[in-house]
C-alpha atoms as a PDB file:
ATOM      1  CA  MET A   1     -96.100 -33.867 -61.404  1.00  0.00           C
ATOM      2  CA  LYS A   2     -97.600 -35.096 -64.649  1.00  0.00           C
ATOM      3  CA  LYS A   3     -95.847 -38.441 -64.283  1.00  0.00           C
ATOM      4  CA  SER A   4     -97.111 -38.731 -60.720  1.00  0.00           C
ATOM      5  CA  SER A   5    -100.697 -38.081 -61.843  1.00  0.00           C
ATOM      6  CA  VAL A   6    -100.477 -40.727 -64.538  1.00  0.00           C
ATOM      7  CA  GLN A   7     -99.029 -43.224 -62.071  1.00  0.00           C
ATOM      8  CA  SER A   8    -101.773 -42.420 -59.552  1.00  0.00           C
ATOM      9  CA  ALA A   9    -104.458 -42.939 -62.191  1.00  0.00           C
ATOM     10  CA  GLY A  10    -102.850 -46.236 -63.178  1.00  0.00           C
ATOM     11  CA  ASN A  11    -102.796 -47.411 -59.569  1.00  0.00           C
ATOM     12  CA  ALA A  12    -106.468 -46.472 -59.141  1.00  0.00           C
ATOM     13  CA  THR A  13    -107.375 -48.401 -62.288  1.00  0.00           C
ATOM     14  CA  ALA A  14    -105.441 -51.434 -61.076  1.00  0.00           C
ATOM     15  CA  ARG A  15    -107.255 -51.306 -57.725  1.00  0.00           C
ATOM     16  CA  LEU A  16    -110.635 -51.127 -59.446  1.00  0.00           C
ATOM     17  CA  GLN A  17    -109.761 -54.036 -61.708  1.00  0.00           C
ATOM     18  CA  LYS A  18    -108.597 -56.110 -58.753  1.00  0.00           C
ATOM     19  CA  SER A  19    -111.759 -55.261 -56.804  1.00  0.00           C
ATOM     20  CA  ALA A  20    -113.934 -56.230 -59.765  1.00  0.00           C
ATOM     21  CA  ARG A  21    -112.108 -59.554 -60.155  1.00  0.00           C
ATOM     22  CA  ILE A  22    -112.511 -60.353 -56.458  1.00  0.00           C
ATOM     23  CA  ARG A  23    -116.240 -59.572 -56.603  1.00  0.00           C
ATOM     24  CA  ALA A  24    -116.709 -61.668 -59.759  1.00  0.00           C
ATOM     25  CA  ASP A  25    -114.839 -64.625 -58.284  1.00  0.00           C
ATOM     26  CA  GLU A  26    -116.847 -64.451 -55.061  1.00  0.00           C
ATOM     27  CA  GLU A  27    -120.142 -64.434 -56.953  1.00  0.00           C
ATOM     28  CA  ALA A  28    -118.995 -67.223 -59.281  1.00  0.00           C
ATOM     29  CA  ARG A  29    -118.299 -69.592 -56.369  1.00  0.00           C
ATOM     30  CA  ARG A  30    -121.983 -69.618 -55.435  1.00  0.00           C
ATOM     31  CA  ILE A  31    -123.017 -71.698 -58.447  1.00  0.00           C
ATOM     32  CA  PRO A  32    -121.659 -74.700 -60.380  1.00  0.00           C
ATOM     33  CA  TRP A  33    -119.139 -73.605 -63.002  1.00  0.00           C
ATOM     34  CA  GLN A  34    -121.180 -75.343 -65.728  1.00  0.00           C
ATOM     35  CA  ARG A  35    -124.132 -73.057 -65.039  1.00  0.00           C
ATOM     36  CA  LEU A  36    -121.905 -69.992 -65.010  1.00  0.00           C
ATOM     37  CA  GLN A  37    -120.323 -70.953 -68.337  1.00  0.00           C
ATOM     38  CA  GLU A  38    -123.693 -71.714 -69.948  1.00  0.00           C
ATOM     39  CA  THR A  39    -125.133 -68.396 -68.761  1.00  0.00           C
ATOM     40  CA  ARG A  40    -122.012 -66.506 -69.840  1.00  0.00           C
ATOM     41  CA  ASN A  41    -122.287 -67.972 -73.337  1.00  0.00           C
ATOM     42  CA  GLN A  42    -125.990 -67.115 -73.420  1.00  0.00           C
ATOM     43  CA  TYR A  43    -125.184 -63.574 -72.324  1.00  0.00           C
ATOM     44  CA  ILE A  44    -122.607 -63.212 -75.117  1.00  0.00           C
ATOM     45  CA  GLU A  45    -125.196 -64.411 -77.657  1.00  0.00           C
ATOM     46  CA  TRP A  46    -127.635 -61.756 -76.461  1.00  0.00           C
ATOM     47  CA  GLN A  47    -124.926 -59.113 -76.459  1.00  0.00           C
ATOM     48  CA  GLU A  48    -124.191 -59.983 -80.077  1.00  0.00           C
ATOM     49  CA  PHE A  49    -127.872 -59.416 -80.799  1.00  0.00           C
ATOM     50  CA  CYS A  50    -127.743 -56.076 -78.950  1.00  0.00           C
ATOM     51  CA  PHE A  51    -124.674 -54.924 -80.873  1.00  0.00           C
ATOM     52  CA  TRP A  52    -126.305 -55.912 -84.179  1.00  0.00           C
ATOM     53  CA  ALA A  53    -129.525 -54.087 -83.354  1.00  0.00           C
ATOM     54  CA  ARG A  54    -127.605 -51.141 -81.939  1.00  0.00           C
ATOM     55  CA  SER A  55    -125.572 -50.708 -85.123  1.00  0.00           C
ATOM     56  CA  ILE A  56    -128.823 -50.373 -87.080  1.00  0.00           C
ATOM     57  CA  LEU A  57    -130.641 -48.214 -84.504  1.00  0.00           C
ATOM     58  CA  GLU A  58    -127.757 -45.757 -84.287  1.00  0.00           C
ATOM     59  CA  THR A  59    -127.469 -45.543 -88.069  1.00  0.00           C
ATOM     60  CA  GLU A  60    -131.203 -45.106 -88.676  1.00  0.00           C
ATOM     61  CA  ARG A  61    -131.798 -43.024 -85.531  1.00  0.00           C
ATOM     62  CA  GLY A  62    -134.968 -45.037 -85.077  1.00  0.00           C
ATOM     63  CA  ILE A  63    -136.515 -48.477 -85.537  1.00  0.00           C
ATOM     64  CA  PRO A  64    -137.127 -49.650 -89.120  1.00  0.00           C
ATOM     65  CA  ASP A  65    -140.357 -51.646 -89.424  1.00  0.00           C
ATOM     66  CA  TRP A  66    -138.522 -54.857 -90.257  1.00  0.00           C
ATOM     67  CA  LEU A  67    -136.300 -54.500 -87.173  1.00  0.00           C
ATOM     68  CA  GLY A  68    -139.390 -53.808 -85.094  1.00  0.00           C
ATOM     69  CA  SER A  69    -140.773 -57.183 -86.206  1.00  0.00           C
ATOM     70  CA  VAL A  70    -137.532 -58.890 -85.161  1.00  0.00           C
ATOM     71  CA  LEU A  71    -137.666 -57.204 -81.753  1.00  0.00           C
ATOM     72  CA  HIS A  72    -141.309 -58.278 -81.313  1.00  0.00           C
ATOM     73  CA  THR A  73    -140.268 -61.883 -81.932  1.00  0.00           C
ATOM     74  CA  ARG A  74    -137.036 -62.004 -79.940  1.00  0.00           C
ATOM     75  CA  CYS A  75    -137.994 -59.611 -77.143  1.00  0.00           C
ATOM     76  CA  PRO A  76    -141.794 -59.910 -76.762  1.00  0.00           C
ATOM     77  CA  GLY A  77    -143.181 -56.989 -74.789  1.00  0.00           C
ATOM     78  CA  PHE A  78    -140.096 -54.798 -74.994  1.00  0.00           C
ATOM     79  CA  LEU A  79    -141.426 -52.227 -77.493  1.00  0.00           C
ATOM     80  CA  GLU A  80    -144.819 -52.023 -75.799  1.00  0.00           C
ATOM     81  CA  LYS A  81    -143.214 -51.522 -72.395  1.00  0.00           C
ATOM     82  CA  ASP A  82    -140.749 -49.009 -73.810  1.00  0.00           C
ATOM     83  CA  ARG A  83    -143.511 -46.907 -75.404  1.00  0.00           C
ATOM     84  CA  ALA A  84    -145.400 -46.923 -72.120  1.00  0.00           C
ATOM     85  CA  ARG A  85    -142.511 -45.363 -70.218  1.00  0.00           C
ATOM     86  CA  ILE A  86    -143.506 -42.139 -68.558  1.00  0.00           C
ATOM     87  CA  SER A  87    -140.226 -41.104 -66.967  1.00  0.00           C
ATOM     88  CA  LYS A  88    -138.370 -38.505 -69.044  1.00  0.00           C
ATOM     89  CA  ALA A  89    -135.111 -39.688 -67.510  1.00  0.00           C
ATOM     90  CA  SER A  90    -135.663 -43.220 -68.787  1.00  0.00           C
ATOM     91  CA  GLN A  91    -136.509 -41.943 -72.270  1.00  0.00           C
ATOM     92  CA  LYS A  92    -133.264 -39.971 -72.385  1.00  0.00           C
ATOM     93  CA  ARG A  93    -131.348 -43.234 -72.144  1.00  0.00           C
ATOM     94  CA  PRO A  94    -130.618 -44.405 -75.727  1.00  0.00           C
ATOM     95  CA  LEU A  95    -133.036 -47.005 -77.099  1.00  0.00           C
ATOM     96  CA  ALA A  96    -130.264 -49.527 -77.687  1.00  0.00           C
ATOM     97  CA  LEU A  97    -129.246 -49.342 -74.024  1.00  0.00           C
ATOM     98  CA  ARG A  98    -132.888 -49.637 -72.936  1.00  0.00           C
ATOM     99  CA  LEU A  99    -133.030 -52.834 -75.011  1.00  0.00           C
ATOM    100  CA  GLU A 100    -129.960 -54.096 -73.178  1.00  0.00           C
ATOM    101  CA  ASP A 101    -131.609 -53.260 -69.839  1.00  0.00           C
ATOM    102  CA  TRP A 102    -134.729 -55.191 -70.860  1.00  0.00           C
ATOM    103  CA  ILE A 103    -132.659 -58.249 -71.789  1.00  0.00           C
ATOM    104  CA  ASP A 104    -130.750 -58.125 -68.501  1.00  0.00           C
ATOM    105  CA  ASP A 105    -133.993 -57.856 -66.517  1.00  0.00           C
ATOM    106  CA  ASN A 106    -136.001 -60.448 -68.427  1.00  0.00           C
ATOM    107  CA  ILE A 107    -133.520 -63.020 -69.720  1.00  0.00           C
ATOM    108  CA  PHE A 108    -131.039 -62.966 -66.855  1.00  0.00           C
ATOM    109  CA  ASP A 109    -133.405 -62.187 -63.989  1.00  0.00           C
ATOM    110  CA  CYS A 110    -132.466 -65.392 -62.112  1.00  0.00           C
ATOM    111  CA  ALA A 111    -128.778 -64.525 -62.111  1.00  0.00           C
ATOM    112  CA  LYS A 112    -129.592 -61.009 -60.914  1.00  0.00           C
ATOM    113  CA  GLN A 113    -131.917 -62.188 -58.151  1.00  0.00           C
ATOM    114  CA  GLU A 114    -129.495 -64.896 -56.990  1.00  0.00           C
ATOM    115  CA  GLY A 115    -126.607 -62.435 -56.887  1.00  0.00           C
ATOM    116  CA  TRP A 116    -124.179 -63.693 -59.537  1.00  0.00           C
ATOM    117  CA  PHE A 117    -125.020 -61.561 -62.573  1.00  0.00           C
ATOM    118  CA  PHE A 118    -121.913 -59.407 -62.123  1.00  0.00           C
ATOM    119  CA  ALA A 119    -119.773 -62.535 -62.506  1.00  0.00           C
ATOM    120  CA  VAL A 120    -121.566 -63.348 -65.759  1.00  0.00           C
ATOM    121  CA  THR A 121    -120.867 -59.916 -67.230  1.00  0.00           C
ATOM    122  CA  TYR A 122    -117.306 -59.778 -65.908  1.00  0.00           C
ATOM    123  CA  TYR A 123    -116.218 -62.980 -67.614  1.00  0.00           C
ATOM    124  CA  ALA A 124    -118.333 -62.351 -70.735  1.00  0.00           C
ATOM    125  CA  VAL A 125    -116.805 -58.995 -71.669  1.00  0.00           C
ATOM    126  CA  ARG A 126    -113.328 -60.558 -71.514  1.00  0.00           C
ATOM    127  CA  ASP A 127    -114.263 -63.244 -74.006  1.00  0.00           C
ATOM    128  CA  PRO A 128    -112.828 -62.778 -77.533  1.00  0.00           C
ATOM    129  CA  ARG A 129    -116.265 -63.440 -79.039  1.00  0.00           C
ATOM    130  CA  TYR A 130    -117.791 -60.537 -77.094  1.00  0.00           C
ATOM    131  CA  GLN A 131    -114.872 -58.272 -77.985  1.00  0.00           C
ATOM    132  CA  ARG A 132    -115.185 -59.081 -81.696  1.00  0.00           C
ATOM    133  CA  ALA A 133    -118.894 -58.208 -81.570  1.00  0.00           C
ATOM    134  CA  GLU A 134    -118.125 -54.888 -79.888  1.00  0.00           C
ATOM    135  CA  VAL A 135    -115.531 -54.043 -82.544  1.00  0.00           C
ATOM    136  CA  CYS A 136    -117.948 -55.046 -85.328  1.00  0.00           C
ATOM    137  CA  TRP A 137    -120.637 -52.746 -83.915  1.00  0.00           C
ATOM    138  CA  SER A 138    -118.357 -49.694 -83.822  1.00  0.00           C
ATOM    139  CA  GLU A 139    -116.945 -50.382 -87.285  1.00  0.00           C
ATOM    140  CA  CYS A 140    -120.412 -50.881 -88.785  1.00  0.00           C
ATOM    141  CA  VAL A 141    -121.768 -47.648 -87.307  1.00  0.00           C
ATOM    142  CA  GLU A 142    -118.769 -45.683 -88.553  1.00  0.00           C
ATOM    143  CA  LYS A 143    -119.105 -47.182 -92.040  1.00  0.00           C
ATOM    144  CA  TRP A 144    -122.897 -47.048 -92.310  1.00  0.00           C
ATOM    145  CA  LYS A 145    -123.191 -43.438 -91.163  1.00  0.00           C
ATOM    146  CA  LYS A 146    -121.033 -42.477 -94.133  1.00  0.00           C
ATOM    147  CA  ALA A 147    -123.046 -44.612 -96.558  1.00  0.00           C
ATOM    148  CA  LYS A 148    -126.110 -46.613 -95.557  1.00  0.00           C
ATOM    149  CA  PRO A 149    -126.143 -50.130 -96.970  1.00  0.00           C
ATOM    150  CA  ILE A 150    -128.803 -51.034 -99.530  1.00  0.00           C
ATOM    151  CA  ARG A 151    -129.715 -53.913 -97.244  1.00  0.00           C
ATOM    152  CA  TYR A 152    -128.639 -54.371 -93.650  1.00  0.00           C
ATOM    153  CA  PRO A 153    -127.152 -57.774 -92.819  1.00  0.00           C
ATOM    154  CA  SER A 154    -129.338 -60.221 -90.945  1.00  0.00           C
ATOM    155  CA  PHE A 155    -128.285 -61.128 -87.433  1.00  0.00           C
ATOM    156  CA  GLU A 156    -126.648 -64.349 -88.661  1.00  0.00           C
ATOM    157  CA  GLU A 157    -124.850 -62.491 -91.459  1.00  0.00           C
ATOM    158  CA  TRP A 158    -123.686 -59.846 -88.999  1.00  0.00           C
ATOM    159  CA  LYS A 159    -122.274 -62.514 -86.657  1.00  0.00           C
ATOM    160  CA  ALA A 160    -120.275 -63.882 -89.575  1.00  0.00           C
ATOM    161  CA  LEU A 161    -118.860 -60.371 -90.088  1.00  0.00           C
ATOM    162  CA  ALA A 162    -118.008 -60.140 -86.395  1.00  0.00           C
ATOM    163  CA  GLU A 163    -116.035 -63.383 -86.596  1.00  0.00           C
ATOM    164  CA  GLN A 164    -113.622 -61.643 -88.952  1.00  0.00           C
ATOM    165  CA  CYS A 165    -113.040 -58.624 -86.682  1.00  0.00           C
ATOM    166  CA  ASP A 166    -109.929 -57.998 -84.599  1.00  0.00           C
ATOM    167  CA  GLU A 167    -110.970 -58.488 -80.974  1.00  0.00           C
ATOM    168  CA  THR A 168    -107.904 -56.564 -79.772  1.00  0.00           C
ATOM    169  CA  ALA A 169    -108.824 -53.327 -81.573  1.00  0.00           C
ATOM    170  CA  HIS A 170    -110.332 -51.679 -78.465  1.00  0.00           C
ATOM    171  CA  LEU A 171    -107.765 -52.955 -75.954  1.00  0.00           C
ATOM    172  CA  VAL A 172    -104.903 -50.941 -74.495  1.00  0.00           C
ATOM    173  CA  ALA A 173    -101.509 -51.450 -76.123  1.00  0.00           C
ATOM    174  CA  GLY A 174    -100.093 -53.819 -73.499  1.00  0.00           C
ATOM    175  CA  GLU A 175    -103.134 -56.082 -73.457  1.00  0.00           C
ATOM    176  CA  ARG A 176    -103.416 -55.937 -77.235  1.00  0.00           C
ATOM    177  CA  LYS A 177     -99.859 -57.239 -77.502  1.00  0.00           C
ATOM    178  CA  SER A 178    -100.510 -60.112 -75.088  1.00  0.00           C
ATOM    179  CA  ARG A 179    -103.656 -61.115 -76.999  1.00  0.00           C
ATOM    180  CA  ALA A 180    -102.013 -60.950 -80.419  1.00  0.00           C
ATOM    181  CA  SER A 181    -101.024 -64.618 -80.331  1.00  0.00           C
ATOM    182  CA  ALA A 182    -104.696 -65.639 -80.640  1.00  0.00           C
ATOM    183  CA  LYS A 183    -104.601 -64.418 -84.244  1.00  0.00           C
ATOM    184  CA  LEU A 184    -102.134 -67.171 -85.084  1.00  0.00           C
ATOM    185  CA  VAL A 185    -104.643 -69.992 -84.640  1.00  0.00           C
ATOM    186  CA  VAL A 186    -108.232 -70.652 -85.738  1.00  0.00           C
ATOM    187  CA  PRO A 187    -110.810 -70.401 -82.895  1.00  0.00           C
ATOM    188  CA  GLY A 188    -111.770 -74.089 -83.026  1.00  0.00           C
ATOM    189  CA  ARG A 189    -108.204 -75.301 -82.662  1.00  0.00           C
ATOM    190  CA  LEU A 190    -107.583 -72.841 -79.838  1.00  0.00           C
ATOM    191  CA  ALA A 191    -110.730 -73.957 -77.980  1.00  0.00           C
ATOM    192  CA  GLU A 192    -109.657 -77.614 -78.222  1.00  0.00           C
ATOM    193  CA  ALA A 193    -106.190 -76.764 -76.908  1.00  0.00           C
ATOM    194  CA  VAL A 194    -107.668 -74.756 -74.016  1.00  0.00           C
ATOM    195  CA  ALA A 195    -109.830 -77.717 -72.988  1.00  0.00           C
ATOM    196  CA  ARG A 196    -106.834 -80.076 -73.081  1.00  0.00           C
ATOM    197  CA  TYR A 197    -104.693 -77.654 -71.083  1.00  0.00           C
ATOM    198  CA  ILE A 198    -107.408 -77.409 -68.415  1.00  0.00           C
ATOM    199  CA  ASP A 199    -107.417 -81.216 -68.165  1.00  0.00           C
ATOM    200  CA  TYR A 200    -103.660 -81.353 -67.636  1.00  0.00           C
ATOM    201  CA  GLU A 201    -103.821 -78.482 -65.154  1.00  0.00           C
ATOM    202  CA  ALA A 202    -106.482 -80.344 -63.167  1.00  0.00           C
ATOM    203  CA  LEU A 203    -104.190 -83.369 -63.009  1.00  0.00           C
ATOM    204  CA  ALA A 204    -101.387 -81.138 -61.743  1.00  0.00           C
ATOM    205  CA  TYR A 205    -103.626 -79.611 -59.055  1.00  0.00           C
ATOM    206  CA  TRP A 206    -104.703 -83.086 -57.947  1.00  0.00           C
ATOM    207  CA  ALA A 207    -101.081 -84.220 -57.707  1.00  0.00           C
ATOM    208  CA  ARG A 208     -99.817 -80.973 -56.188  1.00  0.00           C
ATOM    209  CA  PRO A 209     -99.975 -81.981 -52.485  1.00  0.00           C
ATOM    210  CA  ALA A 210     -97.955 -85.117 -53.219  1.00  0.00           C
ATOM    211  CA  LEU A 211     -95.499 -83.281 -55.465  1.00  0.00           C
ATOM    212  CA  GLU A 212     -94.887 -80.582 -52.868  1.00  0.00           C
ATOM    213  CA  ARG A 213     -94.261 -82.945 -49.951  1.00  0.00           C
ATOM    214  CA  GLY A 214     -91.274 -84.900 -51.213  1.00  0.00           C
ATOM    215  CA  ALA A 215     -89.770 -87.148 -53.854  1.00  0.00           C
ATOM    216  CA  THR A 216     -91.722 -90.304 -52.947  1.00  0.00           C
ATOM    217  CA  LEU A 217     -95.129 -90.194 -54.589  1.00  0.00           C
ATOM    218  CA  PRO A 218     -98.199 -92.173 -53.447  1.00  0.00           C
ATOM    219  CA  PRO A 219     -98.827 -95.167 -55.748  1.00  0.00           C
ATOM    220  CA  ARG A 220    -102.029 -93.674 -57.197  1.00  0.00           C
ATOM    221  CA  VAL A 221    -100.267 -90.439 -58.097  1.00  0.00           C
ATOM    222  CA  LEU A 222     -97.333 -92.289 -59.590  1.00  0.00           C
ATOM    223  CA  LEU A 223     -99.555 -94.525 -61.737  1.00  0.00           C
ATOM    224  CA  GLU A 224    -101.736 -91.651 -62.963  1.00  0.00           C
ATOM    225  CA  LEU A 225     -98.759 -89.475 -63.875  1.00  0.00           C
ATOM    226  CA  GLU A 226     -97.117 -92.365 -65.731  1.00  0.00           C
ATOM    227  CA  ARG A 227    -100.378 -93.026 -67.602  1.00  0.00           C
ATOM    228  CA  VAL A 228    -101.167 -89.444 -68.595  1.00  0.00           C
ATOM    229  CA  CYS A 229     -97.658 -87.957 -68.700  1.00  0.00           C
ATOM    230  CA  PRO A 230     -95.330 -90.819 -69.648  1.00  0.00           C
ATOM    231  CA  GLY A 231     -91.752 -89.770 -69.046  1.00  0.00           C
ATOM    232  CA  TYR A 232     -92.437 -87.038 -66.508  1.00  0.00           C
ATOM    233  CA  VAL A 233     -91.667 -89.092 -63.375  1.00  0.00           C
ATOM    234  CA  GLU A 234     -88.283 -90.072 -64.771  1.00  0.00           C
ATOM    235  CA  ALA A 235     -87.567 -86.449 -65.729  1.00  0.00           C
ATOM    236  CA  ARG A 236     -88.560 -85.316 -62.231  1.00  0.00           C
ATOM    237  CA  LEU A 237     -86.070 -87.643 -60.568  1.00  0.00           C
ATOM    238  CA  LYS A 238     -83.112 -86.744 -62.748  1.00  0.00           C
ATOM    239  CA  PRO A 239     -80.248 -85.110 -60.802  1.00  0.00           C
ATOM    240  CA  CYS A 240     -80.431 -82.053 -63.067  1.00  0.00           C
ATOM    241  CA  SER A 241     -84.034 -81.408 -62.009  1.00  0.00           C
ATOM    242  CA  LYS A 242     -84.279 -78.642 -59.434  1.00  0.00           C
ATOM    243  CA  THR A 243     -87.604 -80.033 -58.233  1.00  0.00           C
ATOM    244  CA  SER A 244     -86.600 -83.557 -57.250  1.00  0.00           C
ATOM    245  CA  SER A 245     -86.784 -82.749 -53.547  1.00  0.00           C
ATOM    246  CA  GLY A 246     -90.362 -81.516 -53.709  1.00  0.00           C
ATOM    247  CA  GLY A 247     -91.836 -78.065 -53.198  1.00  0.00           C
ATOM    248  CA  SER A 248     -93.993 -75.538 -55.028  1.00  0.00           C
ATOM    249  CA  GLN A 249     -91.502 -75.600 -57.915  1.00  0.00           C
ATOM    250  CA  ASP A 250     -92.371 -79.242 -58.509  1.00  0.00           C
ATOM    251  CA  TRP A 251     -95.910 -78.332 -59.537  1.00  0.00           C
ATOM    252  CA  GLU A 252     -94.625 -75.578 -61.815  1.00  0.00           C
ATOM    253  CA  HIS A 253     -92.124 -78.018 -63.304  1.00  0.00           C
ATOM    254  CA  LEU A 254     -94.950 -80.420 -64.183  1.00  0.00           C
ATOM    255  CA  MET A 255     -96.892 -77.719 -66.046  1.00  0.00           C
ATOM    256  CA  LEU A 256     -93.763 -76.592 -67.887  1.00  0.00           C
ATOM    257  CA  TRP A 257     -93.109 -80.222 -68.822  1.00  0.00           C
ATOM    258  CA  VAL A 258     -96.696 -80.531 -70.083  1.00  0.00           C
ATOM    259  CA  GLY A 259     -96.244 -77.422 -72.210  1.00  0.00           C
ATOM    260  CA  ASP A 260     -93.011 -78.750 -73.689  1.00  0.00           C
ATOM    261  CA  HIS A 261     -94.402 -82.199 -74.488  1.00  0.00           C
ATOM    262  CA  PHE A 262     -98.111 -81.759 -75.284  1.00  0.00           C
ATOM    263  CA  PHE A 263     -98.297 -78.207 -76.649  1.00  0.00           C
ATOM    264  CA  ARG A 264     -95.236 -78.145 -78.860  1.00  0.00           C
ATOM    265  CA  ASP A 265     -97.191 -76.896 -81.862  1.00  0.00           C
ATOM    266  CA  ALA A 266     -98.646 -73.976 -79.891  1.00  0.00           C
ATOM    267  CA  LYS A 267     -95.179 -73.019 -78.610  1.00  0.00           C
ATOM    268  CA  ALA A 268     -93.526 -73.375 -81.992  1.00  0.00           C
ATOM    269  CA  GLU A 269     -96.273 -71.426 -83.774  1.00  0.00           C
ATOM    270  CA  GLY A 270     -96.381 -68.711 -81.108  1.00  0.00           C
ATOM    271  CA  TRP A 271     -99.897 -69.062 -79.669  1.00  0.00           C
ATOM    272  CA  LEU A 272     -99.276 -70.724 -76.289  1.00  0.00           C
ATOM    273  CA  ASP A 273     -99.990 -67.362 -74.597  1.00  0.00           C
ATOM    274  CA  ALA A 274    -103.459 -67.395 -76.152  1.00  0.00           C
ATOM    275  CA  ILE A 275    -104.134 -70.718 -74.423  1.00  0.00           C
ATOM    276  CA  LEU A 276    -102.937 -69.431 -71.051  1.00  0.00           C
ATOM    277  CA  ILE A 277    -105.027 -66.226 -71.302  1.00  0.00           C
ATOM    278  CA  GLN A 278    -108.224 -68.145 -72.020  1.00  0.00           C
ATOM    279  CA  VAL A 279    -107.499 -70.707 -69.303  1.00  0.00           C
ATOM    280  CA  ARG A 280    -107.146 -67.914 -66.720  1.00  0.00           C
ATOM    281  CA  ASN A 281    -110.694 -66.757 -67.488  1.00  0.00           C
ATOM    282  CA  HIS A 282    -112.349 -70.163 -67.933  1.00  0.00           C
ATOM    283  CA  PRO A 283    -114.929 -71.019 -65.213  1.00  0.00           C
ATOM    284  CA  ARG A 284    -113.853 -74.659 -65.014  1.00  0.00           C
ATOM    285  CA  ALA A 285    -110.161 -73.831 -64.639  1.00  0.00           C
ATOM    286  CA  MET A 286    -110.855 -71.254 -61.941  1.00  0.00           C
ATOM    287  CA  ARG A 287    -113.164 -73.592 -60.018  1.00  0.00           C
ATOM    288  CA  THR A 288    -110.611 -76.413 -60.158  1.00  0.00           C
ATOM    289  CA  MET A 289    -107.953 -74.105 -58.725  1.00  0.00           C
ATOM    290  CA  GLU A 290    -110.274 -73.006 -55.906  1.00  0.00           C
ATOM    291  CA  PHE A 291    -111.226 -76.604 -55.150  1.00  0.00           C
ATOM    292  CA  ALA A 292    -107.545 -77.551 -54.977  1.00  0.00           C
ATOM    293  CA  ASP A 293    -106.866 -74.732 -52.505  1.00  0.00           C
ATOM    294  CA  HIS A 294    -109.902 -75.785 -50.474  1.00  0.00           C
ATOM    295  CA  PHE A 295    -108.705 -79.358 -50.157  1.00  0.00           C
ATOM    296  CA  ASP A 296    -105.132 -78.329 -49.419  1.00  0.00           C
ATOM    297  CA  GLU A 297    -106.516 -76.542 -46.351  1.00  0.00           C
ATOM    298  CA  LEU A 298    -108.537 -79.596 -45.317  1.00  0.00           C
ATOM    299  CA  TRP A 299    -105.602 -81.985 -45.700  1.00  0.00           C
ATOM    300  CA  GLY A 300    -103.103 -79.756 -43.921  1.00  0.00           C
ATOM    301  CA  ASP A 301     -99.563 -81.086 -43.633  1.00  0.00           C
ATOM    302  CA  LYS A 302    -100.500 -84.760 -44.056  1.00  0.00           C
ATOM    303  CA  LEU A 303    -101.432 -86.440 -47.292  1.00  0.00           C
ATOM    304  CA  PRO A 304    -104.780 -88.273 -47.307  1.00  0.00           C
ATOM    305  CA  SER A 305    -104.584 -92.035 -47.074  1.00  0.00           C
ATOM    306  CA  PRO A 306    -105.561 -93.491 -49.391  1.00  0.00           C
ATOM    307  CA  TYR A 307    -104.896 -90.726 -51.901  1.00  0.00           C
ATOM    308  CA  PRO A 308    -108.131 -89.979 -53.809  1.00  0.00           C
ATOM    309  CA  LEU A 309    -108.533 -91.285 -57.333  1.00  0.00           C
ATOM    310  CA  PHE A 310    -108.125 -88.528 -59.910  1.00  0.00           C
ATOM    311  CA  GLU A 311    -111.545 -89.262 -61.446  1.00  0.00           C
ATOM    312  CA  ASP A 312    -113.241 -88.884 -58.039  1.00  0.00           C
ATOM    313  CA  TRP A 313    -111.289 -85.703 -57.239  1.00  0.00           C
ATOM    314  CA  ARG A 314    -112.165 -84.174 -60.623  1.00  0.00           C
ATOM    315  CA  ARG A 315    -115.833 -85.017 -60.182  1.00  0.00           C
ATOM    316  CA  GLU A 316    -115.872 -83.274 -56.805  1.00  0.00           C
ATOM    317  CA  ALA A 317    -114.041 -80.284 -58.283  1.00  0.00           C
ATOM    318  CA  ASP A 318    -116.648 -79.971 -61.024  1.00  0.00           C
ATOM    319  CA  SER A 319    -119.478 -79.906 -58.483  1.00  0.00           C
ATOM    320  CA  PHE A 320    -117.706 -77.663 -55.969  1.00  0.00           C
ATOM    321  CA  VAL A 321    -119.441 -74.510 -54.775  1.00  0.00           C
ATOM    322  CA  ASP A 322    -118.468 -72.309 -51.850  1.00  0.00           C
ATOM    323  CA  LEU A 323    -121.510 -70.696 -50.262  1.00  0.00           C
ATOM    324  CA  ASP A 324    -119.385 -69.263 -47.435  1.00  0.00           C
END
């Protein structure tokens, strides 16, 4: 009975997570991915500020004068509006969360009014930078309540502390294990590898219709693959290749080949999984995948003639939105 209850709870959680992902993806399609990414990064920056302020507010159980000055500068009107609240229910909500509400309503009002704010928050809270800030907040509160610091760190100093935190500390065991590989590489090197992987994946999506429809590739696809992935076409046609006749495996074979040839260091050093995890939650990668599916439907069983240039296809993918 106990096992059944645990399994039922797990299934319910999985359904909620799937529902949230579907809603986030649907909202994200309404705007260019560049705007979503920019707003997500802005949201993370403000969440870092909230976590910093929250760690001080919860330690002091109030607003020190110096922090009040910072809030006046960064969030003009917040303290005045907060003091003017009449509702007892609103005052019962912790001050730090009321600050977060004010930021959501005043900084991200466009995203809320246009109906894609949930997508911003969904992708933001899964970002390692957000997760490190959340861990830093909880660790600071725990430490500072035992012994208040002589001087609280400035926001910039606090962000430097957050950079050193373990973003997996609050994750469940399974997810913590899958994210552990990110600790094996510095953030800058990982970000560069993620961007390169997204570029190769876009090439694979562009070539996918041709790869899946047989061994003979259109000239444009053949030339582009030889230019960007020298050696792949020959490897694809080798008798030992299971993908030489075309099919969905052909696309997978290309991405495996890319991993073997262009991400050897990541594989050898054990942080390829970190690349794949970040790619799965990157707005550009997701939009490229959706654009590829969209055009597969438009093309149907026949390949377009002439086959689009990769540069043109990528440009259209980057500007793709789906208002339907």
